[in-house]
Amino acid sequence: MSGLVRLSAATTLVLGLALGSWAVLRAGALPLALVITLVATGATLVALGLGLARRARVAWSFTLAILGVLALAGLLAMPAIVRSGFPPIVAGLVLAVLFGLGATLIMGRDTF
């Protein structure tokens, strides 16, 4: 089960870095409040990824909560995201990663 823990931690780290970098790169086109929120969420996901690597139960629960919020918001906002010019394939893959990572964390709950 340690492979599942490492995979979850690495995916959470990459997701946090990608979210924060994307928000910083698009800072001119997005409202400031959204940029701050996305960068803070990305930094939180990076910290939680480190906690997942250490098998901290608190990091597991916070990661699951953040992924649930991001997945639900992404699912509801998907039409607007695609209409804004974001490639539909990439948007679908990101949403699939969110749901997949959440499912992986739920399946590995006994490890944490």
PDB file of N, CA and C in Angstrom:
ATOM      1  N   MET A   1       0.817  -1.197   0.000  1.00  0.00           N
ATOM      2  CA  MET A   1       0.000   0.000   0.000  1.00  0.00           C
ATOM      3  C   MET A   1       0.858   1.256   0.000  1.00  0.00           C
ATOM      4  N   SER A   2       2.144   1.133   0.245  1.00  0.00           N
ATOM      5  CA  SER A   2       2.992   2.325   0.275  1.00  0.00           C
ATOM      6  C   SER A   2       3.120   2.957  -1.109  1.00  0.00           C
ATOM      7  N   GLY A   3       2.971   2.160  -2.164  1.00  0.00           N
ATOM      8  CA  GLY A   3       2.988   2.713  -3.519  1.00  0.00           C
ATOM      9  C   GLY A   3       1.815   3.643  -3.749  1.00  0.00           C
ATOM     10  N   LEU A   4       0.669   3.277  -3.170  1.00  0.00           N
ATOM     11  CA  LEU A   4      -0.522   4.114  -3.274  1.00  0.00           C
ATOM     12  C   LEU A   4      -0.327   5.432  -2.530  1.00  0.00           C
ATOM     13  N   VAL A   5       0.346   5.373  -1.401  1.00  0.00           N
ATOM     14  CA  VAL A   5       0.623   6.581  -0.623  1.00  0.00           C
ATOM     15  C   VAL A   5       1.556   7.494  -1.404  1.00  0.00           C
ATOM     16  N   ARG A   6       2.622   6.923  -1.960  1.00  0.00           N
ATOM     17  CA  ARG A   6       3.573   7.737  -2.732  1.00  0.00           C
ATOM     18  C   ARG A   6       2.910   8.349  -3.955  1.00  0.00           C
ATOM     19  N   LEU A   7       2.063   7.571  -4.636  1.00  0.00           N
ATOM     20  CA  LEU A   7       1.366   8.081  -5.818  1.00  0.00           C
ATOM     21  C   LEU A   7       0.430   9.228  -5.442  1.00  0.00           C
ATOM     22  N   SER A   8      -0.305   9.066  -4.364  1.00  0.00           N
ATOM     23  CA  SER A   8      -1.220  10.125  -3.908  1.00  0.00           C
ATOM     24  C   SER A   8      -0.458  11.386  -3.518  1.00  0.00           C
ATOM     25  N   ALA A   9       0.646  11.214  -2.802  1.00  0.00           N
ATOM     26  CA  ALA A   9       1.440  12.370  -2.377  1.00  0.00           C
ATOM     27  C   ALA A   9       2.041  13.088  -3.580  1.00  0.00           C
ATOM     28  N   ALA A  10       2.599  12.332  -4.522  1.00  0.00           N
ATOM     29  CA  ALA A  10       3.212  12.944  -5.698  1.00  0.00           C
ATOM     30  C   ALA A  10       2.168  13.652  -6.562  1.00  0.00           C
ATOM     31  N   THR A  11       1.021  13.032  -6.743  1.00  0.00           N
ATOM     32  CA  THR A  11      -0.031  13.654  -7.551  1.00  0.00           C
ATOM     33  C   THR A  11      -0.542  14.932  -6.896  1.00  0.00           C
ATOM     34  N   THR A  12      -0.673  14.922  -5.585  1.00  0.00           N
ATOM     35  CA  THR A  12      -1.119  16.118  -4.872  1.00  0.00           C
ATOM     36  C   THR A  12      -0.095  17.240  -4.989  1.00  0.00           C
ATOM     37  N   LEU A  13       1.185  16.899  -4.878  1.00  0.00           N
ATOM     38  CA  LEU A  13       2.243  17.903  -5.056  1.00  0.00           C
ATOM     39  C   LEU A  13       2.208  18.510  -6.453  1.00  0.00           C
ATOM     40  N   VAL A  14       2.117  17.665  -7.466  1.00  0.00           N
ATOM     41  CA  VAL A  14       2.099  18.148  -8.856  1.00  0.00           C
ATOM     42  C   VAL A  14       0.857  18.984  -9.116  1.00  0.00           C
ATOM     43  N   LEU A  15      -0.277  18.548  -8.591  1.00  0.00           N
ATOM     44  CA  LEU A  15      -1.519  19.297  -8.768  1.00  0.00           C
ATOM     45  C   LEU A  15      -1.422  20.679  -8.116  1.00  0.00           C
ATOM     46  N   GLY A  16      -0.850  20.749  -6.929  1.00  0.00           N
ATOM     47  CA  GLY A  16      -0.683  22.034  -6.247  1.00  0.00           C
ATOM     48  C   GLY A  16       0.262  22.961  -6.984  1.00  0.00           C
ATOM     49  N   LEU A  17       1.386  22.414  -7.449  1.00  0.00           N
ATOM     50  CA  LEU A  17       2.336  23.236  -8.212  1.00  0.00           C
ATOM     51  C   LEU A  17       1.732  23.720  -9.527  1.00  0.00           C
ATOM     52  N   ALA A  18       0.997  22.857 -10.198  1.00  0.00           N
ATOM     53  CA  ALA A  18       0.369  23.238 -11.477  1.00  0.00           C
ATOM     54  C   ALA A  18      -0.694  24.310 -11.265  1.00  0.00           C
ATOM     55  N   LEU A  19      -1.498  24.159 -10.239  1.00  0.00           N
ATOM     56  CA  LEU A  19      -2.550  25.142  -9.966  1.00  0.00           C
ATOM     57  C   LEU A  19      -1.966  26.504  -9.617  1.00  0.00           C
ATOM     58  N   GLY A  20      -0.976  26.509  -8.749  1.00  0.00           N
ATOM     59  CA  GLY A  20      -0.343  27.775  -8.362  1.00  0.00           C
ATOM     60  C   GLY A  20       0.385  28.444  -9.511  1.00  0.00           C
ATOM     61  N   SER A  21       1.118  27.655 -10.305  1.00  0.00           N
ATOM     62  CA  SER A  21       1.846  28.235 -11.447  1.00  0.00           C
ATOM     63  C   SER A  21       0.892  28.775 -12.503  1.00  0.00           C
ATOM     64  N   TRP A  22      -0.184  28.021 -12.779  1.00  0.00           N
ATOM     65  CA  TRP A  22      -1.145  28.476 -13.775  1.00  0.00           C
ATOM     66  C   TRP A  22      -1.768  29.800 -13.333  1.00  0.00           C
ATOM     67  N   ALA A  23      -2.091  29.917 -12.053  1.00  0.00           N
ATOM     68  CA  ALA A  23      -2.702  31.156 -11.554  1.00  0.00           C
ATOM     69  C   ALA A  23      -1.729  32.325 -11.647  1.00  0.00           C
ATOM     70  N   VAL A  24      -0.455  32.087 -11.353  1.00  0.00           N
ATOM     71  CA  VAL A  24       0.539  33.168 -11.429  1.00  0.00           C
ATOM     72  C   VAL A  24       0.755  33.585 -12.883  1.00  0.00           C
ATOM     73  N   LEU A  25       0.801  32.620 -13.788  1.00  0.00           N
ATOM     74  CA  LEU A  25       1.012  32.941 -15.204  1.00  0.00           C
ATOM     75  C   LEU A  25      -0.168  33.693 -15.814  1.00  0.00           C
ATOM     76  N   ARG A  26      -1.364  33.419 -15.340  1.00  0.00           N
ATOM     77  CA  ARG A  26      -2.558  34.072 -15.867  1.00  0.00           C
ATOM     78  C   ARG A  26      -3.033  35.223 -14.993  1.00  0.00           C
ATOM     79  N   ALA A  27      -2.184  35.741 -14.121  1.00  0.00           N
ATOM     80  CA  ALA A  27      -2.577  36.757 -13.138  1.00  0.00           C
ATOM     81  C   ALA A  27      -3.135  38.019 -13.785  1.00  0.00           C
ATOM     82  N   GLY A  28      -2.633  38.380 -14.961  1.00  0.00           N
ATOM     83  CA  GLY A  28      -3.115  39.589 -15.618  1.00  0.00           C
ATOM     84  C   GLY A  28      -4.526  39.470 -16.146  1.00  0.00           C
ATOM     85  N   ALA A  29      -4.963  38.261 -16.493  1.00  0.00           N
ATOM     86  CA  ALA A  29      -6.280  38.064 -17.089  1.00  0.00           C
ATOM     87  C   ALA A  29      -7.344  37.666 -16.066  1.00  0.00           C
ATOM     88  N   LEU A  30      -6.939  37.375 -14.844  1.00  0.00           N
ATOM     89  CA  LEU A  30      -7.879  36.920 -13.821  1.00  0.00           C
ATOM     90  C   LEU A  30      -8.032  37.984 -12.734  1.00  0.00           C
ATOM     91  N   PRO A  31      -9.177  37.979 -12.054  1.00  0.00           N
ATOM     92  CA  PRO A  31      -9.339  38.898 -10.921  1.00  0.00           C
ATOM     93  C   PRO A  31      -8.338  38.568  -9.810  1.00  0.00           C
ATOM     94  N   LEU A  32      -7.905  39.582  -9.096  1.00  0.00           N
ATOM     95  CA  LEU A  32      -6.881  39.418  -8.065  1.00  0.00           C
ATOM     96  C   LEU A  32      -7.319  38.436  -6.973  1.00  0.00           C
ATOM     97  N   ALA A  33      -8.581  38.485  -6.577  1.00  0.00           N
ATOM     98  CA  ALA A  33      -9.071  37.580  -5.530  1.00  0.00           C
ATOM     99  C   ALA A  33      -8.959  36.124  -5.978  1.00  0.00           C
ATOM    100  N   LEU A  34      -9.248  35.859  -7.242  1.00  0.00           N
ATOM    101  CA  LEU A  34      -9.142  34.499  -7.768  1.00  0.00           C
ATOM    102  C   LEU A  34      -7.691  34.038  -7.815  1.00  0.00           C
ATOM    103  N   VAL A  35      -6.796  34.909  -8.211  1.00  0.00           N
ATOM    104  CA  VAL A  35      -5.367  34.564  -8.266  1.00  0.00           C
ATOM    105  C   VAL A  35      -4.855  34.227  -6.870  1.00  0.00           C
ATOM    106  N   ILE A  36      -5.206  35.052  -5.897  1.00  0.00           N
ATOM    107  CA  ILE A  36      -4.767  34.801  -4.527  1.00  0.00           C
ATOM    108  C   ILE A  36      -5.324  33.481  -4.009  1.00  0.00           C
ATOM    109  N   THR A  37      -6.591  33.221  -4.292  1.00  0.00           N
ATOM    110  CA  THR A  37      -7.214  31.977  -3.844  1.00  0.00           C
ATOM    111  C   THR A  37      -6.565  30.760  -4.488  1.00  0.00           C
ATOM    112  N   LEU A  38      -6.305  30.824  -5.793  1.00  0.00           N
ATOM    113  CA  LEU A  38      -5.703  29.681  -6.484  1.00  0.00           C
ATOM    114  C   LEU A  38      -4.262  29.438  -6.050  1.00  0.00           C
ATOM    115  N   VAL A  39      -3.510  30.504  -5.839  1.00  0.00           N
ATOM    116  CA  VAL A  39      -2.124  30.343  -5.376  1.00  0.00           C
ATOM    117  C   VAL A  39      -2.108  29.767  -3.959  1.00  0.00           C
ATOM    118  N   ALA A  40      -3.004  30.261  -3.104  1.00  0.00           N
ATOM    119  CA  ALA A  40      -3.079  29.732  -1.738  1.00  0.00           C
ATOM    120  C   ALA A  40      -3.516  28.267  -1.737  1.00  0.00           C
ATOM    121  N   THR A  41      -4.454  27.908  -2.600  1.00  0.00           N
ATOM    122  CA  THR A  41      -4.880  26.513  -2.700  1.00  0.00           C
ATOM    123  C   THR A  41      -3.751  25.637  -3.213  1.00  0.00           C
ATOM    124  N   GLY A  42      -3.005  26.123  -4.198  1.00  0.00           N
ATOM    125  CA  GLY A  42      -1.862  25.363  -4.706  1.00  0.00           C
ATOM    126  C   GLY A  42      -0.803  25.156  -3.640  1.00  0.00           C
ATOM    127  N   ALA A  43      -0.505  26.202  -2.875  1.00  0.00           N
ATOM    128  CA  ALA A  43       0.483  26.076  -1.796  1.00  0.00           C
ATOM    129  C   ALA A  43      -0.008  25.118  -0.712  1.00  0.00           C
ATOM    130  N   THR A  44      -1.294  25.165  -0.425  1.00  0.00           N
ATOM    131  CA  THR A  44      -1.862  24.246   0.558  1.00  0.00           C
ATOM    132  C   THR A  44      -1.776  22.803   0.067  1.00  0.00           C
ATOM    133  N   LEU A  45      -2.041  22.581  -1.215  1.00  0.00           N
ATOM    134  CA  LEU A  45      -1.942  21.226  -1.761  1.00  0.00           C
ATOM    135  C   LEU A  45      -0.506  20.711  -1.723  1.00  0.00           C
ATOM    136  N   VAL A  46       0.462  21.586  -1.938  1.00  0.00           N
ATOM    137  CA  VAL A  46       1.868  21.173  -1.847  1.00  0.00           C
ATOM    138  C   VAL A  46       2.185  20.744  -0.413  1.00  0.00           C
ATOM    139  N   ALA A  47       1.756  21.544   0.554  1.00  0.00           N
ATOM    140  CA  ALA A  47       1.995  21.192   1.957  1.00  0.00           C
ATOM    141  C   ALA A  47       1.275  19.897   2.340  1.00  0.00           C
ATOM    142  N   LEU A  48       0.067  19.730   1.820  1.00  0.00           N
ATOM    143  CA  LEU A  48      -0.678  18.509   2.127  1.00  0.00           C
ATOM    144  C   LEU A  48      -0.058  17.290   1.454  1.00  0.00           C
ATOM    145  N   GLY A  49       0.543  17.483   0.282  1.00  0.00           N
ATOM    146  CA  GLY A  49       1.242  16.378  -0.373  1.00  0.00           C
ATOM    147  C   GLY A  49       2.408  15.891   0.465  1.00  0.00           C
ATOM    148  N   LEU A  50       3.103  16.813   1.094  1.00  0.00           N
ATOM    149  CA  LEU A  50       4.186  16.419   2.005  1.00  0.00           C
ATOM    150  C   LEU A  50       3.628  15.691   3.223  1.00  0.00           C
ATOM    151  N   GLY A  51       2.488  16.137   3.712  1.00  0.00           N
ATOM    152  CA  GLY A  51       1.843  15.450   4.830  1.00  0.00           C
ATOM    153  C   GLY A  51       1.371  14.058   4.453  1.00  0.00           C
ATOM    154  N   LEU A  52       0.880  13.912   3.222  1.00  0.00           N
ATOM    155  CA  LEU A  52       0.467  12.583   2.757  1.00  0.00           C
ATOM    156  C   LEU A  52       1.657  11.635   2.674  1.00  0.00           C
ATOM    157  N   ALA A  53       2.806  12.156   2.268  1.00  0.00           N
ATOM    158  CA  ALA A  53       4.005  11.318   2.189  1.00  0.00           C
ATOM    159  C   ALA A  53       4.421  10.833   3.578  1.00  0.00           C
ATOM    160  N   ARG A  54       4.093  11.609   4.598  1.00  0.00           N
ATOM    161  CA  ARG A  54       4.415  11.213   5.980  1.00  0.00           C
ATOM    162  C   ARG A  54       3.280  10.435   6.624  1.00  0.00           C
ATOM    163  N   ARG A  55       2.230  10.172   5.869  1.00  0.00           N
ATOM    164  CA  ARG A  55       1.053   9.406   6.314  1.00  0.00           C
ATOM    165  C   ARG A  55       0.332  10.067   7.483  1.00  0.00           C
ATOM    166  N   ALA A  56       0.163  11.360   7.395  1.00  0.00           N
ATOM    167  CA  ALA A  56      -0.555  12.101   8.437  1.00  0.00           C
ATOM    168  C   ALA A  56      -2.051  12.062   8.147  1.00  0.00           C
ATOM    169  N   ARG A  57      -2.818  11.643   9.117  1.00  0.00           N
ATOM    170  CA  ARG A  57      -4.270  11.525   8.949  1.00  0.00           C
ATOM    171  C   ARG A  57      -4.907  12.899   8.696  1.00  0.00           C
ATOM    172  N   VAL A  58      -4.395  13.933   9.336  1.00  0.00           N
ATOM    173  CA  VAL A  58      -4.938  15.285   9.154  1.00  0.00           C
ATOM    174  C   VAL A  58      -4.731  15.744   7.709  1.00  0.00           C
ATOM    175  N   ALA A  59      -3.560  15.464   7.144  1.00  0.00           N
ATOM    176  CA  ALA A  59      -3.293  15.828   5.750  1.00  0.00           C
ATOM    177  C   ALA A  59      -4.226  15.069   4.823  1.00  0.00           C
ATOM    178  N   TRP A  60      -4.510  13.819   5.131  1.00  0.00           N
ATOM    179  CA  TRP A  60      -5.420  13.008   4.319  1.00  0.00           C
ATOM    180  C   TRP A  60      -6.809  13.637   4.304  1.00  0.00           C
ATOM    181  N   SER A  61      -7.307  14.024   5.474  1.00  0.00           N
ATOM    182  CA  SER A  61      -8.666  14.559   5.537  1.00  0.00           C
ATOM    183  C   SER A  61      -8.777  15.924   4.863  1.00  0.00           C
ATOM    184  N   PHE A  62      -7.787  16.794   5.071  1.00  0.00           N
ATOM    185  CA  PHE A  62      -7.828  18.097   4.411  1.00  0.00           C
ATOM    186  C   PHE A  62      -7.676  17.970   2.894  1.00  0.00           C
ATOM    187  N   THR A  63      -6.821  17.059   2.452  1.00  0.00           N
ATOM    188  CA  THR A  63      -6.656  16.842   1.012  1.00  0.00           C
ATOM    189  C   THR A  63      -7.956  16.362   0.396  1.00  0.00           C
ATOM    190  N   LEU A  64      -8.611  15.439   1.056  1.00  0.00           N
ATOM    191  CA  LEU A  64      -9.875  14.928   0.545  1.00  0.00           C
ATOM    192  C   LEU A  64     -10.934  16.036   0.479  1.00  0.00           C
ATOM    193  N   ALA A  65     -10.958  16.906   1.486  1.00  0.00           N
ATOM    194  CA  ALA A  65     -11.922  18.006   1.491  1.00  0.00           C
ATOM    195  C   ALA A  65     -11.641  18.999   0.359  1.00  0.00           C
ATOM    196  N   ILE A  66     -10.379  19.363   0.185  1.00  0.00           N
ATOM    197  CA  ILE A  66     -10.033  20.318  -0.879  1.00  0.00           C
ATOM    198  C   ILE A  66     -10.308  19.720  -2.258  1.00  0.00           C
ATOM    199  N   LEU A  67      -9.968  18.450  -2.450  1.00  0.00           N
ATOM    200  CA  LEU A  67     -10.222  17.811  -3.738  1.00  0.00           C
ATOM    201  C   LEU A  67     -11.711  17.712  -4.020  1.00  0.00           C
ATOM    202  N   GLY A  68     -12.503  17.469  -2.990  1.00  0.00           N
ATOM    203  CA  GLY A  68     -13.953  17.424  -3.180  1.00  0.00           C
ATOM    204  C   GLY A  68     -14.518  18.760  -3.631  1.00  0.00           C
ATOM    205  N   VAL A  69     -14.045  19.826  -3.015  1.00  0.00           N
ATOM    206  CA  VAL A  69     -14.505  21.169  -3.402  1.00  0.00           C
ATOM    207  C   VAL A  69     -14.051  21.503  -4.819  1.00  0.00           C
ATOM    208  N   LEU A  70     -12.793  21.216  -5.132  1.00  0.00           N
ATOM    209  CA  LEU A  70     -12.280  21.502  -6.476  1.00  0.00           C
ATOM    210  C   LEU A  70     -13.001  20.668  -7.543  1.00  0.00           C
ATOM    211  N   ALA A  71     -13.287  19.401  -7.240  1.00  0.00           N
ATOM    212  CA  ALA A  71     -13.971  18.542  -8.208  1.00  0.00           C
ATOM    213  C   ALA A  71     -15.402  19.020  -8.450  1.00  0.00           C
ATOM    214  N   LEU A  72     -16.113  19.360  -7.401  1.00  0.00           N
ATOM    215  CA  LEU A  72     -17.485  19.833  -7.557  1.00  0.00           C
ATOM    216  C   LEU A  72     -17.531  21.173  -8.297  1.00  0.00           C
ATOM    217  N   ALA A  73     -16.643  22.087  -7.927  1.00  0.00           N
ATOM    218  CA  ALA A  73     -16.596  23.386  -8.607  1.00  0.00           C
ATOM    219  C   ALA A  73     -16.197  23.213 -10.070  1.00  0.00           C
ATOM    220  N   GLY A  74     -15.245  22.328 -10.338  1.00  0.00           N
ATOM    221  CA  GLY A  74     -14.837  22.081 -11.719  1.00  0.00           C
ATOM    222  C   GLY A  74     -15.931  21.444 -12.546  1.00  0.00           C
ATOM    223  N   LEU A  75     -16.676  20.538 -11.931  1.00  0.00           N
ATOM    224  CA  LEU A  75     -17.777  19.887 -12.643  1.00  0.00           C
ATOM    225  C   LEU A  75     -18.870  20.893 -12.997  1.00  0.00           C
ATOM    226  N   LEU A  76     -19.209  21.763 -12.062  1.00  0.00           N
ATOM    227  CA  LEU A  76     -20.256  22.752 -12.321  1.00  0.00           C
ATOM    228  C   LEU A  76     -19.794  23.842 -13.284  1.00  0.00           C
ATOM    229  N   ALA A  77     -18.512  24.172 -13.277  1.00  0.00           N
ATOM    230  CA  ALA A  77     -18.003  25.252 -14.117  1.00  0.00           C
ATOM    231  C   ALA A  77     -17.445  24.764 -15.451  1.00  0.00           C
ATOM    232  N   MET A  78     -17.509  23.479 -15.731  1.00  0.00           N
ATOM    233  CA  MET A  78     -16.907  22.942 -16.950  1.00  0.00           C
ATOM    234  C   MET A  78     -17.396  23.624 -18.235  1.00  0.00           C
ATOM    235  N   PRO A  79     -18.693  23.864 -18.426  1.00  0.00           N
ATOM    236  CA  PRO A  79     -19.112  24.553 -19.661  1.00  0.00           C
ATOM    237  C   PRO A  79     -18.486  25.936 -19.805  1.00  0.00           C
ATOM    238  N   ALA A  80     -18.419  26.696 -18.730  1.00  0.00           N
ATOM    239  CA  ALA A  80     -17.831  28.040 -18.793  1.00  0.00           C
ATOM    240  C   ALA A  80     -16.330  27.971 -19.027  1.00  0.00           C
ATOM    241  N   ILE A  81     -15.674  26.973 -18.447  1.00  0.00           N
ATOM    242  CA  ILE A  81     -14.234  26.817 -18.637  1.00  0.00           C
ATOM    243  C   ILE A  81     -13.921  26.537 -20.100  1.00  0.00           C
ATOM    244  N   VAL A  82     -14.696  25.661 -20.721  1.00  0.00           N
ATOM    245  CA  VAL A  82     -14.470  25.314 -22.134  1.00  0.00           C
ATOM    246  C   VAL A  82     -14.821  26.490 -23.034  1.00  0.00           C
ATOM    247  N   ARG A  83     -15.896  27.213 -22.710  1.00  0.00           N
ATOM    248  CA  ARG A  83     -16.270  28.373 -23.527  1.00  0.00           C
ATOM    249  C   ARG A  83     -15.228  29.476 -23.465  1.00  0.00           C
ATOM    250  N   SER A  84     -14.475  29.542 -22.371  1.00  0.00           N
ATOM    251  CA  SER A  84     -13.469  30.594 -22.231  1.00  0.00           C
ATOM    252  C   SER A  84     -12.223  30.326 -23.064  1.00  0.00           C
ATOM    253  N   GLY A  85     -12.147  29.168 -23.703  1.00  0.00           N
ATOM    254  CA  GLY A  85     -11.017  28.885 -24.576  1.00  0.00           C
ATOM    255  C   GLY A  85     -10.073  27.824 -24.054  1.00  0.00           C
ATOM    256  N   PHE A  86     -10.331  27.291 -22.866  1.00  0.00           N
ATOM    257  CA  PHE A  86      -9.493  26.217 -22.317  1.00  0.00           C
ATOM    258  C   PHE A  86      -9.765  24.946 -23.119  1.00  0.00           C
ATOM    259  N   PRO A  87      -8.731  24.203 -23.515  1.00  0.00           N
ATOM    260  CA  PRO A  87      -8.955  22.987 -24.318  1.00  0.00           C
ATOM    261  C   PRO A  87      -9.822  21.974 -23.561  1.00  0.00           C
ATOM    262  N   PRO A  88     -10.885  21.469 -24.201  1.00  0.00           N
ATOM    263  CA  PRO A  88     -11.790  20.543 -23.514  1.00  0.00           C
ATOM    264  C   PRO A  88     -11.114  19.254 -23.042  1.00  0.00           C
ATOM    265  N   ILE A  89     -10.155  18.756 -23.805  1.00  0.00           N
ATOM    266  CA  ILE A  89      -9.467  17.529 -23.417  1.00  0.00           C
ATOM    267  C   ILE A  89      -8.687  17.738 -22.117  1.00  0.00           C
ATOM    268  N   VAL A  90      -7.976  18.848 -22.021  1.00  0.00           N
ATOM    269  CA  VAL A  90      -7.188  19.142 -20.823  1.00  0.00           C
ATOM    270  C   VAL A  90      -8.115  19.357 -19.628  1.00  0.00           C
ATOM    271  N   ALA A  91      -9.216  20.066 -19.838  1.00  0.00           N
ATOM    272  CA  ALA A  91     -10.164  20.298 -18.752  1.00  0.00           C
ATOM    273  C   ALA A  91     -10.747  18.974 -18.256  1.00  0.00           C
ATOM    274  N   GLY A  92     -11.076  18.085 -19.176  1.00  0.00           N
ATOM    275  CA  GLY A  92     -11.592  16.777 -18.787  1.00  0.00           C
ATOM    276  C   GLY A  92     -10.559  15.937 -18.061  1.00  0.00           C
ATOM    277  N   LEU A  93      -9.303  16.011 -18.505  1.00  0.00           N
ATOM    278  CA  LEU A  93      -8.244  15.257 -17.832  1.00  0.00           C
ATOM    279  C   LEU A  93      -7.998  15.766 -16.414  1.00  0.00           C
ATOM    280  N   VAL A  94      -8.012  17.075 -16.235  1.00  0.00           N
ATOM    281  CA  VAL A  94      -7.815  17.637 -14.891  1.00  0.00           C
ATOM    282  C   VAL A  94      -8.957  17.206 -13.974  1.00  0.00           C
ATOM    283  N   LEU A  95     -10.178  17.238 -14.486  1.00  0.00           N
ATOM    284  CA  LEU A  95     -11.323  16.810 -13.685  1.00  0.00           C
ATOM    285  C   LEU A  95     -11.229  15.320 -13.353  1.00  0.00           C
ATOM    286  N   ALA A  96     -10.783  14.517 -14.302  1.00  0.00           N
ATOM    287  CA  ALA A  96     -10.606  13.082 -14.055  1.00  0.00           C
ATOM    288  C   ALA A  96      -9.519  12.835 -13.004  1.00  0.00           C
ATOM    289  N   VAL A  97      -8.452  13.624 -13.037  1.00  0.00           N
ATOM    290  CA  VAL A  97      -7.393  13.481 -12.033  1.00  0.00           C
ATOM    291  C   VAL A  97      -7.934  13.827 -10.649  1.00  0.00           C
ATOM    292  N   LEU A  98      -8.742  14.874 -10.556  1.00  0.00           N
ATOM    293  CA  LEU A  98      -9.320  15.248  -9.263  1.00  0.00           C
ATOM    294  C   LEU A  98     -10.189  14.129  -8.697  1.00  0.00           C
ATOM    295  N   PHE A  99     -11.071  13.591  -9.534  1.00  0.00           N
ATOM    296  CA  PHE A  99     -11.938  12.505  -9.072  1.00  0.00           C
ATOM    297  C   PHE A  99     -11.130  11.237  -8.786  1.00  0.00           C
ATOM    298  N   GLY A 100     -10.152  10.940  -9.625  1.00  0.00           N
ATOM    299  CA  GLY A 100      -9.329   9.752  -9.421  1.00  0.00           C
ATOM    300  C   GLY A 100      -8.494   9.832  -8.161  1.00  0.00           C
ATOM    301  N   LEU A 101      -7.911  10.988  -7.902  1.00  0.00           N
ATOM    302  CA  LEU A 101      -7.110  11.163  -6.688  1.00  0.00           C
ATOM    303  C   LEU A 101      -7.988  11.070  -5.449  1.00  0.00           C
ATOM    304  N   GLY A 102      -9.175  11.642  -5.529  1.00  0.00           N
ATOM    305  CA  GLY A 102     -10.108  11.522  -4.401  1.00  0.00           C
ATOM    306  C   GLY A 102     -10.493  10.075  -4.143  1.00  0.00           C
ATOM    307  N   ALA A 103     -10.774   9.334  -5.208  1.00  0.00           N
ATOM    308  CA  ALA A 103     -11.116   7.914  -5.052  1.00  0.00           C
ATOM    309  C   ALA A 103      -9.936   7.120  -4.502  1.00  0.00           C
ATOM    310  N   THR A 104      -8.727   7.443  -4.957  1.00  0.00           N
ATOM    311  CA  THR A 104      -7.537   6.758  -4.460  1.00  0.00           C
ATOM    312  C   THR A 104      -7.339   7.016  -2.971  1.00  0.00           C
ATOM    313  N   LEU A 105      -7.567   8.249  -2.543  1.00  0.00           N
ATOM    314  CA  LEU A 105      -7.429   8.565  -1.124  1.00  0.00           C
ATOM    315  C   LEU A 105      -8.492   7.860  -0.289  1.00  0.00           C
ATOM    316  N   ILE A 106      -9.698   7.765  -0.818  1.00  0.00           N
ATOM    317  CA  ILE A 106     -10.757   7.065  -0.082  1.00  0.00           C
ATOM    318  C   ILE A 106     -10.439   5.575   0.016  1.00  0.00           C
ATOM    319  N   MET A 107      -9.963   4.977  -1.073  1.00  0.00           N
ATOM    320  CA  MET A 107      -9.630   3.550  -1.045  1.00  0.00           C
ATOM    321  C   MET A 107      -8.467   3.269  -0.101  1.00  0.00           C
ATOM    322  N   GLY A 108      -7.536   4.195   0.053  1.00  0.00           N
ATOM    323  CA  GLY A 108      -6.377   3.979   0.901  1.00  0.00           C
ATOM    324  C   GLY A 108      -6.526   4.573   2.291  1.00  0.00           C
ATOM    325  N   ARG A 109      -7.746   4.785   2.739  1.00  0.00           N
ATOM    326  CA  ARG A 109      -7.964   5.460   4.026  1.00  0.00           C
ATOM    327  C   ARG A 109      -7.367   4.703   5.208  1.00  0.00           C
ATOM    328  N   ASP A 110      -7.256   3.392   5.130  1.00  0.00           N
ATOM    329  CA  ASP A 110      -6.691   2.626   6.250  1.00  0.00           C
ATOM    330  C   ASP A 110      -5.186   2.836   6.393  1.00  0.00           C
ATOM    331  N   THR A 111      -4.533   3.319   5.337  1.00  0.00           N
ATOM    332  CA  THR A 111      -3.103   3.551   5.365  1.00  0.00           C
ATOM    333  C   THR A 111      -2.742   4.787   6.180  1.00  0.00           C
ATOM    334  N   PHE A 112      -3.661   5.734   6.247  1.00  0.00           N
ATOM    335  CA  PHE A 112      -3.367   7.014   6.903  1.00  0.00           C
ATOM    336  C   PHE A 112      -3.829   7.024   8.336  1.00  0.00           C
TER     337      PHE A 112
END
